[in-house]
Amino acid sequence: MSVEHEEKRRLRRHLLEVRRALPADVVAARGTALATRVRELDELRAAPAGAPLTVAAYVSIGGEPDTLALLDALRAAGVRVLLPVLLPDNDLDWAVYEGAEHLVPAGWGLREPAGPRLTPQAVAEADVVLLPGLAVDRTGLRLGRGGGSYDRVLARLERSGRRASLVVLLYDDEVVERVPAERHDRRVHAAVTPSGVHRFRH
């Protein structure tokens, strides 16, 4: 196990403990603020000619910043929202978000859209990809949960040549000076927190 891998493991454990201590009303309030900030992204104001804007997002769980208000706001604005469906090998398939009433329980406490599956490659249709994470550093390096699902997503986007904007959704104190880097890690273009948008150059 590399030094960087062990550093990541310790940092993940600390950040998850902090999130677990957050009261439910704080998580909800920060989620509402986050939804407002995400809608300020320039990337969400420029729909491609002749097609609706497509955003790949996710349904938050546990202490993650609450995304339901954001998903509903995007859908109400005419955005085509894709949500992940976890596959047995930890890869992600995708389906269209049709409203909270069409989310169904899945493994690991997840909720997933009940509609038709579009294949893992469908993420390459996204103009903006909203990513979960635990932290991001000042260079845009994102720390995920360690399951590898989004590493596959980001690698798939890279292979497709799609120039989607990669945006991680976090709490304010999760924008940190440094995240330990491993070879497979990729950087994001921006982070959105309840207090604003953070841009990264790389």
Protein backbone atom coordinates (compact mmCIF):
# COMPACT_ATOMS: atom_id res chain seq x y z
CA MET A 1 0.00 0.00 0.00
CA SER A 2 1.45 3.37 -1.03
CA VAL A 3 1.92 6.29 1.33
CA GLU A 4 -0.62 8.28 -0.69
CA HIS A 5 -3.19 5.48 -0.44
CA GLU A 6 -2.83 5.35 3.34
CA GLU A 7 -3.07 9.16 3.58
CA LYS A 8 -6.28 9.03 1.57
CA ARG A 9 -7.72 6.36 3.83
CA ARG A 10 -7.09 8.46 6.94
CA LEU A 11 -8.47 11.61 5.35
CA ARG A 12 -11.61 9.80 4.18
CA ARG A 13 -12.21 8.42 7.66
CA HIS A 14 -11.90 11.89 9.22
CA LEU A 15 -14.18 13.57 6.67
CA LEU A 16 -16.84 10.87 6.96
CA GLU A 17 -16.84 11.24 10.75
CA VAL A 18 -17.39 14.99 10.42
CA ARG A 19 -20.27 14.41 8.00
CA ARG A 20 -21.91 11.80 10.21
CA ALA A 21 -22.01 14.35 13.05
CA LEU A 22 -24.02 16.87 11.02
CA PRO A 23 -27.67 17.28 12.12
CA ALA A 24 -30.28 16.49 9.46
CA ASP A 25 -31.58 20.07 9.40
CA VAL A 26 -28.06 21.38 8.68
CA VAL A 27 -27.63 18.92 5.82
CA ALA A 28 -31.00 20.01 4.34
CA ALA A 29 -30.28 23.74 4.72
CA ARG A 30 -26.87 23.41 3.12
CA GLY A 31 -28.43 21.38 0.32
CA THR A 32 -30.85 24.22 -0.42
CA ALA A 33 -27.96 26.70 -0.51
CA LEU A 34 -25.97 24.34 -2.72
CA ALA A 35 -28.83 24.08 -5.22
CA THR A 36 -28.85 27.87 -5.55
CA ARG A 37 -25.08 28.00 -6.07
CA VAL A 38 -25.07 25.23 -8.69
CA ARG A 39 -27.66 27.10 -10.74
CA GLU A 40 -25.19 30.02 -10.88
CA LEU A 41 -22.77 27.92 -12.95
CA ASP A 42 -22.25 29.43 -16.39
CA GLU A 43 -22.16 25.89 -17.79
CA LEU A 44 -25.84 25.47 -16.93
CA ARG A 45 -26.91 28.56 -18.83
CA ALA A 46 -25.68 27.52 -22.27
CA ALA A 47 -27.76 24.70 -23.73
CA PRO A 48 -26.34 23.11 -26.88
CA ALA A 49 -28.07 24.13 -30.12
CA GLY A 50 -31.08 21.98 -30.91
CA ALA A 51 -30.89 19.84 -27.77
CA PRO A 52 -31.66 20.14 -24.06
CA LEU A 53 -28.78 20.53 -21.68
CA THR A 54 -27.82 17.16 -20.17
CA VAL A 55 -26.45 16.97 -16.64
CA ALA A 56 -25.23 13.78 -14.97
CA ALA A 57 -25.87 14.07 -11.23
CA TYR A 58 -26.57 11.78 -8.28
CA VAL A 59 -28.93 11.26 -5.35
CA SER A 60 -27.18 12.14 -2.09
CA ILE A 61 -27.01 9.69 0.79
CA GLY A 62 -26.07 9.96 4.46
CA GLY A 63 -24.25 13.16 5.31
CA GLU A 64 -23.56 14.15 1.71
CA PRO A 65 -24.77 17.61 0.67
CA ASP A 66 -28.48 17.10 -0.08
CA THR A 67 -29.06 17.06 -3.86
CA LEU A 68 -32.82 16.51 -4.14
CA ALA A 69 -33.67 20.24 -4.30
CA LEU A 70 -31.03 20.63 -6.98
CA LEU A 71 -32.31 17.69 -9.05
CA ASP A 72 -35.85 19.07 -9.00
CA ALA A 73 -34.67 22.58 -9.88
CA LEU A 74 -32.67 21.31 -12.86
CA ARG A 75 -35.57 19.21 -14.12
CA ALA A 76 -38.00 22.12 -13.71
CA ALA A 77 -35.64 24.25 -15.82
CA GLY A 78 -35.86 21.77 -18.70
CA VAL A 79 -32.50 20.09 -18.07
CA ARG A 80 -32.22 16.39 -18.92
CA VAL A 81 -30.86 14.88 -15.71
CA LEU A 82 -29.11 11.50 -15.70
CA LEU A 83 -28.69 9.59 -12.45
CA PRO A 84 -26.40 6.63 -11.74
CA VAL A 85 -27.48 3.04 -11.25
CA LEU A 86 -24.88 0.94 -9.40
CA LEU A 87 -23.94 -2.28 -11.18
CA PRO A 88 -22.69 -5.46 -9.43
CA ASP A 89 -19.08 -4.69 -10.43
CA ASN A 90 -19.31 -1.13 -8.98
CA ASP A 91 -19.52 0.44 -12.44
CA LEU A 92 -22.37 2.88 -13.11
CA ASP A 93 -25.23 2.62 -15.57
CA TRP A 94 -27.49 5.67 -16.03
CA ALA A 95 -31.19 6.51 -16.22
CA VAL A 96 -33.20 9.71 -16.64
CA TYR A 97 -34.49 11.44 -13.49
CA GLU A 98 -38.29 11.74 -13.67
CA GLY A 99 -38.91 13.10 -10.17
CA ALA A 100 -38.37 11.95 -6.59
CA GLU A 101 -41.50 9.78 -6.72
CA HIS A 102 -39.77 7.63 -9.36
CA LEU A 103 -36.71 6.85 -7.22
CA VAL A 104 -36.52 3.33 -5.83
CA PRO A 105 -34.42 1.89 -2.97
CA ALA A 106 -31.24 0.08 -3.98
CA GLY A 107 -28.29 -1.49 -2.19
CA TRP A 108 -26.02 0.41 0.22
CA GLY A 109 -28.80 2.86 1.07
CA LEU A 110 -28.87 4.25 -2.45
CA ARG A 111 -31.93 5.46 -4.33
CA GLU A 112 -31.99 5.01 -8.08
CA PRO A 113 -34.31 6.02 -10.93
CA ALA A 114 -36.86 3.36 -11.87
CA GLY A 115 -36.80 4.09 -15.61
CA PRO A 116 -34.99 2.34 -18.47
CA ARG A 117 -31.23 1.88 -18.18
CA LEU A 118 -29.21 3.75 -20.80
CA THR A 119 -25.84 1.88 -20.53
CA PRO A 120 -22.66 3.09 -18.76
CA GLN A 121 -21.62 4.97 -21.90
CA ALA A 122 -24.62 7.32 -21.56
CA VAL A 123 -22.62 9.57 -19.24
CA ALA A 124 -20.70 10.70 -22.34
CA GLU A 125 -23.89 12.54 -23.39
CA ALA A 126 -23.56 14.90 -20.41
CA ASP A 127 -22.57 18.54 -20.84
CA VAL A 128 -21.97 18.84 -17.08
CA VAL A 129 -21.14 16.05 -14.63
CA LEU A 130 -21.92 16.75 -10.96
CA LEU A 131 -19.75 14.47 -8.86
CA PRO A 132 -19.94 13.33 -5.25
CA GLY A 133 -16.76 13.59 -3.24
CA LEU A 134 -15.29 14.08 0.19
CA ALA A 135 -12.81 16.85 -0.59
CA VAL A 136 -11.04 18.73 -3.35
CA ASP A 137 -7.73 20.56 -3.20
CA ARG A 138 -6.62 23.88 -4.66
CA THR A 139 -5.51 22.17 -7.90
CA GLY A 140 -8.89 20.50 -8.46
CA LEU A 141 -7.84 17.04 -7.31
CA ARG A 142 -10.95 15.27 -5.99
CA LEU A 143 -11.07 12.77 -3.15
CA GLY A 144 -13.85 10.21 -3.56
CA ARG A 145 -15.08 7.47 -1.25
CA GLY A 146 -12.63 4.93 -2.65
CA GLY A 147 -15.07 2.57 -4.36
CA GLY A 148 -13.75 3.38 -7.83
CA SER A 149 -17.14 3.92 -9.50
CA TYR A 150 -16.46 7.52 -10.45
CA ASP A 151 -12.86 6.78 -11.42
CA ARG A 152 -14.41 4.60 -14.15
CA VAL A 153 -16.85 7.35 -15.10
CA LEU A 154 -14.06 9.92 -15.44
CA ALA A 155 -11.89 7.51 -17.42
CA ARG A 156 -14.86 6.76 -19.72
CA LEU A 157 -15.44 10.48 -20.31
CA GLU A 158 -11.75 10.94 -21.10
CA ARG A 159 -11.78 8.10 -23.63
CA SER A 160 -14.93 9.46 -25.28
CA GLY A 161 -13.28 12.82 -25.96
CA ARG A 162 -16.33 14.51 -24.43
CA ARG A 163 -15.47 17.92 -22.97
CA ALA A 164 -17.96 17.81 -20.13
CA SER A 165 -17.51 20.20 -17.23
CA LEU A 166 -16.62 18.22 -14.09
CA VAL A 167 -18.01 19.74 -10.89
CA VAL A 168 -17.78 18.24 -7.39
CA LEU A 169 -20.40 19.12 -4.75
CA LEU A 170 -19.01 19.66 -1.24
CA TYR A 171 -19.30 21.51 2.04
CA ASP A 172 -17.20 24.65 2.49
CA ASP A 173 -14.61 23.09 4.79
CA GLU A 174 -13.98 20.26 2.31
CA VAL A 175 -12.06 22.52 -0.06
CA VAL A 176 -8.57 21.83 1.30
CA GLU A 177 -4.97 22.67 0.50
CA ARG A 178 -3.89 19.20 -0.58
CA VAL A 179 -5.43 15.84 -1.46
CA PRO A 180 -3.00 12.88 -1.75
CA ALA A 181 -2.68 11.90 -5.43
CA GLU A 182 -2.43 8.48 -7.05
CA ARG A 183 -1.83 7.73 -10.72
CA HIS A 184 -5.49 7.06 -11.59
CA ASP A 185 -6.79 10.30 -10.01
CA ARG A 186 -8.24 13.03 -12.23
CA ARG A 187 -8.92 16.67 -11.57
CA VAL A 188 -12.23 18.50 -11.77
CA HIS A 189 -12.91 21.91 -13.26
CA ALA A 190 -14.86 23.32 -10.32
CA ALA A 191 -16.31 22.68 -6.89
CA VAL A 192 -19.60 24.08 -5.64
CA THR A 193 -20.17 24.58 -1.92
CA PRO A 194 -23.03 26.31 -0.06
CA SER A 195 -21.00 29.55 -0.09
CA GLY A 196 -20.02 29.66 -3.76
CA VAL A 197 -18.23 28.29 -6.82
CA HIS A 198 -14.52 27.45 -6.75
CA ARG A 199 -12.72 27.22 -10.12
CA PHE A 200 -9.51 25.32 -10.81
CA ARG A 201 -6.94 25.77 -13.58
CA HIS A 202 -5.16 22.68 -14.89
